[in-house]
Amino acid sequence: MLHGKSIICFGGEDWWYHHPHSKNHLMRRFARAGNKVIFVNSISMGLAPIKSGELLPRVTRKLKSYAKLARTTEEGITVVSPVVVPFFGSRAATAANRRLLTTQIAMLAKRRGLTNPILWIAIPTAIDVVGRLHESLVIYHVSDKYDANTMDHATDPEFIRRLHDRAIDAADLIFYSSRKLLSEATRGREKSFLLEQAVDFDHWSRISRGEVRVADAIERIPHPRIGYFGAIEPWLIDQDLIKQAAGERPDWNWIFIGNKSRGLEIEDFANVHFLPPVSYQELPSYAAGFDVCVLPWNTEVEFTSYGSAIKVREYLASGKPVVISPLPEYESMGGVLRIARSRDQFIEMVGDALRESGSDKANARQQAVRDGTWDARAERVSELIEDALRSVLPA
């Protein structure tokens, strides 16, 4: 495992307000192994479109992040929300953000004793700090099809593509979170690697061992319970599927846990329940009450089709039956996943999962992800980083 290094990670998400993402899991392990880590909360890719209704809620969440200033996690990671100009595309904004970011992060790194850091960028708008923090290595972690995300911000996709290309060219190592992202990469292939999502297997397998008590909020909802946790966006969730299922099978209860965005059309169904987000530590007690775990994503949305949802592996580690919309990332796991190619088939597969008996299939699901842990991913990444450092540093 990497040891004695300095790492500055510009995350594509905030540390505090999301279900733990891949950068969160990896940075925790690097910090525990004796590395100094600064995690920079998302500097975004611009303000949300006003018509989305999400502008004010997101500004409010970001202001709460700013209010935390620089905090230290239990692993010793310094988490900071830097002040930036929330507009991208103009020379003035680019120059202002370059100065703001470089000054804030350089000062923090100096105070925390970080030297010649490994710079880990997981959002293309952080590219302007490259070359300004005396970094020893640049890693670009591509976890989304950034230029296809026109739902969360109003920044020109062509501008995002240019930032992405600059990050590809500047990086010493490139990690892709999904096979579809990697397969379509046309630049930097010689330094590109698949960094599959992983799972904290011990955390989630407690469900199958009966070591967690079902949360009261779940117990109050009758069986059968069809459960999902994570982002709840109007463009992400296949609302037509939920409407159809809610009407055809009124005895099924659909449970959504997480931050719920405005504009949903499925809130008024009596058998569709929304619960607020809960901490990662508590989440298994909620999933323990699901009869079937689902990923009812609208994969006809281009951005969604590149997804590599961590929750799918967490569902599998729980042993629960899992039904998902088709994602290229999980086609190879069709032996342990029910992958629905249509809304009718999704409903049919949920019904089949509810009738499942015995433990053989549950054991197979867990076995499929048992060795794909975040510890294993951190070890592999460490090897690649050490190799890259040997090639870029003078002998």
Protein backbone atom coordinates (compact mmCIF):
# COMPACT_ATOMS: atom_id res chain seq x y z
CA MET A 1 0.00 0.00 0.00
CA LEU A 2 1.14 3.54 -0.76
CA HIS A 3 2.83 5.03 2.30
CA GLY A 4 4.44 8.30 3.33
CA LYS A 5 3.07 10.27 0.37
CA SER A 6 1.10 13.49 0.10
CA ILE A 7 -2.17 13.39 -1.86
CA ILE A 8 -4.48 16.25 -2.86
CA CYS A 9 -7.75 14.94 -4.29
CA PHE A 10 -10.15 17.25 -6.13
CA GLY A 11 -13.36 15.27 -5.83
CA GLY A 12 -16.31 15.38 -8.18
CA GLU A 13 -18.59 15.27 -5.13
CA ASP A 14 -18.70 16.77 -1.66
CA TRP A 15 -17.37 14.61 1.15
CA TRP A 16 -20.16 15.47 3.55
CA TYR A 17 -23.38 15.24 1.56
CA HIS A 18 -23.14 12.07 -0.49
CA HIS A 19 -23.25 8.33 -0.10
CA PRO A 20 -19.52 7.48 -0.05
CA HIS A 21 -18.08 7.59 -3.56
CA SER A 22 -14.98 5.86 -4.88
CA LYS A 23 -12.65 8.75 -4.01
CA ASN A 24 -14.00 8.76 -0.46
CA HIS A 25 -13.34 5.03 0.00
CA LEU A 26 -9.87 5.17 -1.55
CA MET A 27 -8.68 8.30 0.26
CA ARG A 28 -9.74 6.83 3.60
CA ARG A 29 -7.57 3.80 2.95
CA PHE A 30 -4.61 5.88 1.79
CA ALA A 31 -4.86 8.00 4.95
CA ARG A 32 -5.00 4.95 7.20
CA ALA A 33 -1.86 3.63 5.49
CA GLY A 34 0.14 6.66 6.58
CA ASN A 35 -0.33 9.15 3.74
CA LYS A 36 -1.21 12.82 4.21
CA VAL A 37 -4.45 13.55 2.35
CA ILE A 38 -6.36 16.71 1.50
CA PHE A 39 -9.78 16.18 -0.06
CA VAL A 40 -11.15 19.19 -1.95
CA ASN A 41 -14.94 19.16 -2.15
CA SER A 42 -16.45 19.50 -5.60
CA ILE A 43 -15.77 22.81 -7.30
CA SER A 44 -18.69 21.88 -9.61
CA MET A 45 -18.96 22.38 -13.33
CA GLY A 46 -21.21 25.42 -13.02
CA LEU A 47 -24.52 26.46 -11.58
CA ALA A 48 -27.60 24.30 -12.04
CA PRO A 49 -30.01 25.47 -14.74
CA ILE A 50 -32.60 27.78 -13.20
CA LYS A 51 -35.45 25.82 -14.83
CA SER A 52 -34.41 22.69 -12.96
CA GLY A 53 -35.51 24.14 -9.63
CA GLU A 54 -32.25 22.87 -8.10
CA LEU A 55 -30.27 26.11 -8.16
CA LEU A 56 -31.24 27.32 -4.67
CA PRO A 57 -31.03 23.90 -2.92
CA ARG A 58 -27.57 23.27 -4.35
CA VAL A 59 -26.29 26.72 -3.47
CA THR A 60 -27.62 26.15 0.04
CA ARG A 61 -25.79 22.80 0.32
CA LYS A 62 -22.58 24.35 -0.97
CA LEU A 63 -22.82 27.20 1.55
CA LYS A 64 -23.13 24.61 4.30
CA SER A 65 -19.93 23.02 2.98
CA TYR A 66 -18.19 26.39 3.03
CA ALA A 67 -19.32 26.86 6.62
CA LYS A 68 -17.42 23.73 7.65
CA LEU A 69 -14.15 25.33 6.49
CA ALA A 70 -11.31 22.80 6.74
CA ARG A 71 -12.33 19.78 8.81
CA THR A 72 -10.39 16.65 9.70
CA THR A 73 -11.92 13.19 9.41
CA GLU A 74 -11.26 10.38 11.88
CA GLU A 75 -8.62 9.03 9.46
CA GLY A 76 -6.80 12.38 9.48
CA ILE A 77 -7.99 13.56 6.05
CA THR A 78 -8.33 17.32 5.71
CA VAL A 79 -11.59 18.10 3.91
CA VAL A 80 -12.05 21.60 2.51
CA SER A 81 -14.61 23.48 0.42
CA PRO A 82 -12.65 26.16 -1.45
CA VAL A 83 -14.28 29.39 -2.53
CA VAL A 84 -14.54 29.56 -6.33
CA VAL A 85 -16.46 31.53 -8.93
CA PRO A 86 -19.41 29.25 -9.92
CA PHE A 87 -19.21 30.16 -13.61
CA PHE A 88 -17.07 28.51 -16.24
CA GLY A 89 -16.29 29.30 -19.84
CA SER A 90 -15.01 32.88 -19.61
CA ARG A 91 -11.35 33.85 -19.39
CA ALA A 92 -12.04 36.05 -16.37
CA ALA A 93 -13.71 33.22 -14.42
CA THR A 94 -10.95 30.78 -15.39
CA ALA A 95 -8.22 33.15 -14.23
CA ALA A 96 -10.07 33.95 -11.01
CA ASN A 97 -10.61 30.29 -10.16
CA ARG A 98 -7.01 29.42 -10.95
CA ARG A 99 -5.78 32.05 -8.49
CA LEU A 100 -8.40 31.23 -5.86
CA LEU A 101 -7.83 27.48 -5.94
CA THR A 102 -4.06 27.61 -6.10
CA THR A 103 -3.78 30.09 -3.25
CA GLN A 104 -6.22 28.33 -0.94
CA ILE A 105 -4.98 24.78 -1.50
CA ALA A 106 -1.28 25.70 -1.52
CA MET A 107 -1.61 27.49 1.82
CA LEU A 108 -3.55 24.59 3.33
CA ALA A 109 -1.03 22.05 2.03
CA LYS A 110 1.82 24.03 3.56
CA ARG A 111 0.06 24.21 6.94
CA ARG A 112 -0.65 20.46 6.85
CA GLY A 113 2.92 19.58 5.86
CA LEU A 114 2.19 18.19 2.38
CA THR A 115 5.08 18.34 -0.06
CA ASN A 116 5.27 17.40 -3.77
CA PRO A 117 1.76 15.95 -3.61
CA ILE A 118 0.18 13.41 -5.89
CA LEU A 119 -2.56 15.45 -7.53
CA TRP A 120 -5.74 13.39 -8.00
CA ILE A 121 -8.32 15.17 -10.16
CA ALA A 122 -11.83 13.74 -10.41
CA ILE A 123 -13.52 16.71 -12.08
CA PRO A 124 -12.31 18.47 -15.24
CA THR A 125 -12.80 21.99 -13.84
CA ALA A 126 -9.83 21.37 -11.53
CA ILE A 127 -7.39 21.16 -14.46
CA ASP A 128 -6.11 24.71 -13.94
CA VAL A 129 -4.33 23.79 -10.71
CA VAL A 130 -2.06 21.34 -12.55
CA GLY A 131 1.52 22.56 -12.53
CA ARG A 132 0.89 25.02 -9.70
CA LEU A 133 1.12 22.83 -6.59
CA HIS A 134 4.59 21.34 -7.14
CA GLU A 135 2.96 17.97 -7.68
CA SER A 136 4.97 14.81 -8.20
CA LEU A 137 2.28 13.03 -10.23
CA VAL A 138 -1.06 13.88 -11.84
CA ILE A 139 -3.92 11.37 -11.79
CA TYR A 140 -7.14 12.01 -13.70
CA HIS A 141 -10.02 9.90 -12.41
CA VAL A 142 -12.81 9.82 -15.00
CA SER A 143 -15.94 8.64 -13.24
CA ASP A 144 -18.61 10.14 -15.50
CA LYS A 145 -19.26 11.22 -19.07
CA TYR A 146 -18.80 14.81 -17.97
CA ASP A 147 -19.85 16.57 -21.17
CA ALA A 148 -23.12 14.60 -21.28
CA ASN A 149 -24.28 15.96 -17.93
CA THR A 150 -26.44 18.85 -19.05
CA MET A 151 -28.96 18.32 -16.25
CA ASP A 152 -26.91 19.55 -13.29
CA HIS A 153 -25.28 22.66 -14.71
CA ALA A 154 -25.60 25.16 -17.53
CA THR A 155 -21.97 25.11 -18.68
CA ASP A 156 -21.38 24.56 -22.41
CA PRO A 157 -20.62 20.83 -23.05
CA GLU A 158 -17.95 21.79 -25.59
CA PHE A 159 -16.11 23.74 -22.91
CA ILE A 160 -16.27 20.71 -20.60
CA ARG A 161 -14.87 18.54 -23.42
CA ARG A 162 -11.91 20.89 -23.82
CA LEU A 163 -11.19 20.76 -20.08
CA HIS A 164 -11.46 16.96 -20.20
CA ASP A 165 -8.99 16.74 -23.09
CA ARG A 166 -6.54 18.99 -21.26
CA ALA A 167 -6.79 16.77 -18.19
CA ILE A 168 -6.16 13.66 -20.31
CA ASP A 169 -3.04 15.25 -21.81
CA ALA A 170 -1.72 16.52 -18.46
CA ALA A 171 -2.22 13.27 -16.52
CA ASP A 172 0.49 10.73 -15.80
CA LEU A 173 -2.18 8.14 -14.95
CA ILE A 174 -5.82 7.97 -16.00
CA PHE A 175 -8.39 5.85 -14.19
CA TYR A 176 -11.81 5.13 -15.71
CA SER A 177 -14.66 4.03 -13.46
CA SER A 178 -16.55 2.12 -16.13
CA ARG A 179 -15.82 -0.07 -19.10
CA LYS A 180 -17.90 2.09 -21.42
CA LEU A 181 -15.90 5.19 -20.51
CA LEU A 182 -12.61 3.36 -21.08
CA SER A 183 -13.74 1.74 -24.33
CA GLU A 184 -14.53 5.12 -25.86
CA ALA A 185 -11.31 6.82 -24.77
CA THR A 186 -9.34 8.02 -27.80
CA ARG A 187 -6.50 9.84 -26.07
CA GLY A 188 -3.93 8.67 -23.55
CA ARG A 189 -4.73 4.96 -23.90
CA GLU A 190 -1.17 3.98 -22.97
CA LYS A 191 -1.59 5.47 -19.50
CA SER A 192 -5.24 4.51 -18.96
CA PHE A 193 -6.60 1.81 -16.65
CA LEU A 194 -9.99 0.52 -15.57
CA LEU A 195 -10.63 1.28 -11.90
CA GLU A 196 -13.72 -0.79 -11.19
CA GLN A 197 -16.05 0.16 -8.41
CA ALA A 198 -15.71 -1.95 -5.29
CA VAL A 199 -17.50 -2.74 -2.06
CA ASP A 200 -16.90 -2.69 1.66
CA PHE A 201 -17.89 -6.34 1.83
CA ASP A 202 -17.81 -6.74 5.61
CA HIS A 203 -20.04 -3.68 6.04
CA TRP A 204 -22.77 -5.01 3.73
CA SER A 205 -22.54 -8.77 4.30
CA ARG A 206 -23.63 -8.22 7.91
CA ILE A 207 -27.17 -8.11 6.50
CA SER A 208 -27.07 -11.75 5.38
CA ARG A 209 -25.63 -12.80 8.73
CA GLY A 210 -28.53 -11.18 10.58
CA GLU A 211 -26.23 -8.81 12.43
CA VAL A 212 -28.25 -5.65 11.77
CA ARG A 213 -31.66 -4.71 13.04
CA VAL A 214 -34.13 -3.44 10.45
CA ALA A 215 -34.67 0.30 10.84
CA ASP A 216 -38.00 1.38 12.31
CA ALA A 217 -38.75 3.58 9.27
CA ILE A 218 -38.59 0.46 7.08
CA GLU A 219 -40.50 -1.80 9.49
CA ARG A 220 -43.48 0.55 9.28
CA ILE A 221 -43.81 -0.16 5.54
CA PRO A 222 -45.60 -3.42 4.63
CA HIS A 223 -43.97 -6.21 2.61
CA PRO A 224 -43.12 -6.72 -0.17
CA ARG A 225 -40.55 -3.92 -0.14
CA ILE A 226 -38.68 -2.93 -3.29
CA GLY A 227 -35.74 -0.78 -2.19
CA TYR A 228 -33.33 1.76 -3.64
CA PHE A 229 -30.87 4.18 -2.06
CA GLY A 230 -28.91 7.01 -3.63
CA ALA A 231 -29.59 10.04 -5.81
CA ILE A 232 -33.26 10.57 -6.69
CA GLU A 233 -33.32 12.79 -9.76
CA PRO A 234 -36.24 13.14 -12.23
CA TRP A 235 -33.94 12.33 -15.17
CA LEU A 236 -32.15 9.48 -13.39
CA ILE A 237 -35.05 7.40 -12.07
CA ASP A 238 -37.23 5.74 -14.72
CA GLN A 239 -40.44 7.32 -13.49
CA ASP A 240 -42.56 5.68 -16.18
CA LEU A 241 -41.40 2.31 -14.86
CA ILE A 242 -42.37 3.23 -11.30
CA LYS A 243 -45.74 4.57 -12.43
CA GLN A 244 -46.44 1.36 -14.35
CA ALA A 245 -45.33 -0.89 -11.50
CA ALA A 246 -47.21 1.12 -8.87
CA GLY A 247 -50.40 0.80 -10.89
CA GLU A 248 -50.06 -2.85 -11.91
CA ARG A 249 -48.86 -4.12 -8.54
CA PRO A 250 -50.42 -1.89 -5.86
CA ASP A 251 -49.40 -4.42 -3.19
CA TRP A 252 -45.69 -3.76 -3.82
CA ASN A 253 -44.09 -0.94 -1.84
CA TRP A 254 -41.29 1.01 -3.53
CA ILE A 255 -38.85 2.65 -1.12
CA PHE A 256 -36.45 5.41 -2.17
CA ILE A 257 -33.81 6.59 0.32
CA GLY A 258 -31.74 9.67 -0.41
CA ASN A 259 -31.73 13.30 -1.48
CA LYS A 260 -34.90 13.86 -3.49
CA SER A 261 -34.73 16.51 -6.19
CA ARG A 262 -37.67 18.58 -7.34
CA GLY A 263 -39.75 17.67 -10.36
CA LEU A 264 -40.57 14.06 -9.50
CA GLU A 265 -43.89 12.76 -10.82
CA ILE A 266 -44.15 9.67 -8.60
CA GLU A 267 -44.55 11.25 -5.19
CA ASP A 268 -48.32 10.91 -4.97
CA PHE A 269 -48.53 7.12 -5.32
CA ALA A 270 -49.62 5.49 -2.08
CA ASN A 271 -47.17 2.62 -2.52
CA VAL A 272 -44.11 4.79 -3.34
CA HIS A 273 -42.27 5.92 -0.21
CA PHE A 274 -39.47 8.47 0.12
CA LEU A 275 -37.13 8.49 3.09
CA PRO A 276 -34.41 11.08 3.73
CA PRO A 277 -30.74 10.15 3.32
CA VAL A 278 -29.14 8.26 6.19
CA SER A 279 -25.50 7.81 7.11
CA TYR A 280 -23.39 5.11 5.53
CA GLN A 281 -23.11 3.40 8.90
CA GLU A 282 -26.89 3.21 9.26
CA LEU A 283 -27.71 2.29 5.68
CA PRO A 284 -27.39 -1.51 6.06
CA SER A 285 -30.17 -1.45 8.66
CA TYR A 286 -32.44 0.07 6.01
CA ALA A 287 -31.37 -2.25 3.20
CA ALA A 288 -31.85 -5.20 5.56
CA GLY A 289 -35.59 -4.61 5.32
CA PHE A 290 -35.70 -4.72 1.51
CA ASP A 291 -37.10 -7.83 -0.14
CA VAL A 292 -35.58 -6.86 -3.48
CA CYS A 293 -32.91 -4.23 -4.21
CA VAL A 294 -33.34 -2.29 -7.44
CA LEU A 295 -31.58 0.15 -9.73
CA PRO A 296 -34.50 1.57 -11.76
CA TRP A 297 -32.40 4.03 -13.77
CA ASN A 298 -33.42 5.60 -17.03
CA THR A 299 -30.52 4.30 -19.10
CA GLU A 300 -31.87 5.94 -22.25
CA VAL A 301 -30.33 9.13 -20.86
CA GLU A 302 -26.81 9.23 -22.30
CA PHE A 303 -25.15 10.37 -19.08
CA THR A 304 -26.78 7.56 -17.09
CA SER A 305 -25.70 4.88 -19.55
CA TYR A 306 -22.06 5.39 -18.53
CA GLY A 307 -22.86 4.74 -14.87
CA SER A 308 -21.07 2.23 -12.67
CA ALA A 309 -23.23 2.54 -9.56
CA ILE A 310 -21.40 1.36 -6.44
CA LYS A 311 -24.74 0.45 -4.91
CA VAL A 312 -25.11 -2.52 -7.26
CA ARG A 313 -22.09 -4.18 -5.63
CA GLU A 314 -23.37 -3.21 -2.19
CA TYR A 315 -26.73 -4.79 -2.99
CA LEU A 316 -24.94 -7.99 -4.08
CA ALA A 317 -22.82 -8.07 -0.92
CA SER A 318 -26.01 -8.00 1.14
CA GLY A 319 -27.16 -11.22 -0.51
CA LYS A 320 -30.50 -9.70 -1.47
CA PRO A 321 -31.98 -10.29 -4.94
CA VAL A 322 -31.06 -7.44 -7.32
CA VAL A 323 -32.90 -6.14 -10.38
CA ILE A 324 -31.28 -3.40 -12.46
CA SER A 325 -31.77 -1.45 -15.65
CA PRO A 326 -29.22 -2.38 -18.34
CA LEU A 327 -25.80 -0.81 -17.79
CA PRO A 328 -22.76 -1.81 -19.88
CA GLU A 329 -20.69 -1.90 -16.69
CA TYR A 330 -22.70 -4.78 -15.25
CA GLU A 331 -23.41 -6.90 -18.32
CA SER A 332 -20.61 -9.30 -17.31
CA MET A 333 -22.38 -9.96 -13.99
CA GLY A 334 -25.62 -11.16 -15.55
CA GLY A 335 -25.21 -14.50 -13.78
CA VAL A 336 -25.93 -12.90 -10.39
CA LEU A 337 -27.98 -9.87 -11.48
CA ARG A 338 -31.42 -9.72 -13.01
CA ILE A 339 -30.92 -7.23 -15.87
CA ALA A 340 -34.22 -5.95 -17.28
CA ARG A 341 -34.33 -4.89 -20.94
CA SER A 342 -37.79 -3.33 -20.75
CA ARG A 343 -40.21 -1.99 -18.17
CA ASP A 344 -42.42 -5.06 -18.50
CA GLN A 345 -39.40 -7.28 -17.93
CA PHE A 346 -38.29 -5.21 -14.93
CA ILE A 347 -41.65 -5.77 -13.24
CA GLU A 348 -41.57 -9.45 -14.19
CA MET A 349 -38.07 -9.85 -12.73
CA VAL A 350 -39.01 -8.16 -9.47
CA GLY A 351 -41.88 -10.64 -9.17
CA ASP A 352 -39.48 -13.51 -9.87
CA ALA A 353 -37.05 -12.18 -7.25
CA LEU A 354 -39.82 -12.00 -4.67
CA ARG A 355 -40.51 -15.69 -5.25
CA GLU A 356 -36.86 -16.69 -4.87
CA SER A 357 -36.15 -19.31 -2.21
CA GLY A 358 -33.10 -21.04 -0.80
CA SER A 359 -29.65 -19.60 -0.20
CA ASP A 360 -27.71 -20.74 -3.27
CA LYS A 361 -28.40 -17.61 -5.33
CA ALA A 362 -27.74 -15.33 -2.37
CA ASN A 363 -24.39 -17.03 -1.78
CA ALA A 364 -23.50 -16.68 -5.48
CA ARG A 365 -24.26 -12.96 -5.38
CA GLN A 366 -21.98 -12.44 -2.43
CA GLN A 367 -19.24 -14.60 -3.90
CA ALA A 368 -19.26 -12.46 -7.05
CA VAL A 369 -18.13 -9.36 -5.12
CA ARG A 370 -16.37 -10.86 -2.09
CA ASP A 371 -12.87 -10.19 -3.42
CA GLY A 372 -13.66 -6.88 -5.11
CA THR A 373 -13.10 -4.77 -2.01
CA TRP A 374 -11.92 -1.19 -1.65
CA ASP A 375 -8.82 -2.54 0.11
CA ALA A 376 -7.99 -4.55 -3.02
CA ARG A 377 -8.61 -1.53 -5.26
CA ALA A 378 -6.38 0.66 -3.09
CA GLU A 379 -3.59 -1.91 -3.31
CA ARG A 380 -3.84 -2.03 -7.11
CA VAL A 381 -3.91 1.75 -7.41
CA SER A 382 -0.88 1.96 -5.11
CA GLU A 383 1.09 -0.33 -7.40
CA LEU A 384 0.24 1.77 -10.45
CA ILE A 385 1.14 4.99 -8.65
CA GLU A 386 4.49 3.62 -7.48
CA ASP A 387 5.29 2.50 -11.02
CA ALA A 388 4.33 5.90 -12.42
CA LEU A 389 6.39 7.74 -9.82
CA ARG A 390 9.45 5.70 -10.74
CA SER A 391 9.01 6.68 -14.38
CA VAL A 392 8.53 10.44 -13.82
CA LEU A 393 10.99 11.08 -10.98
CA PRO A 394 14.72 11.37 -11.66
CA ALA A 395 16.82 8.37 -10.64
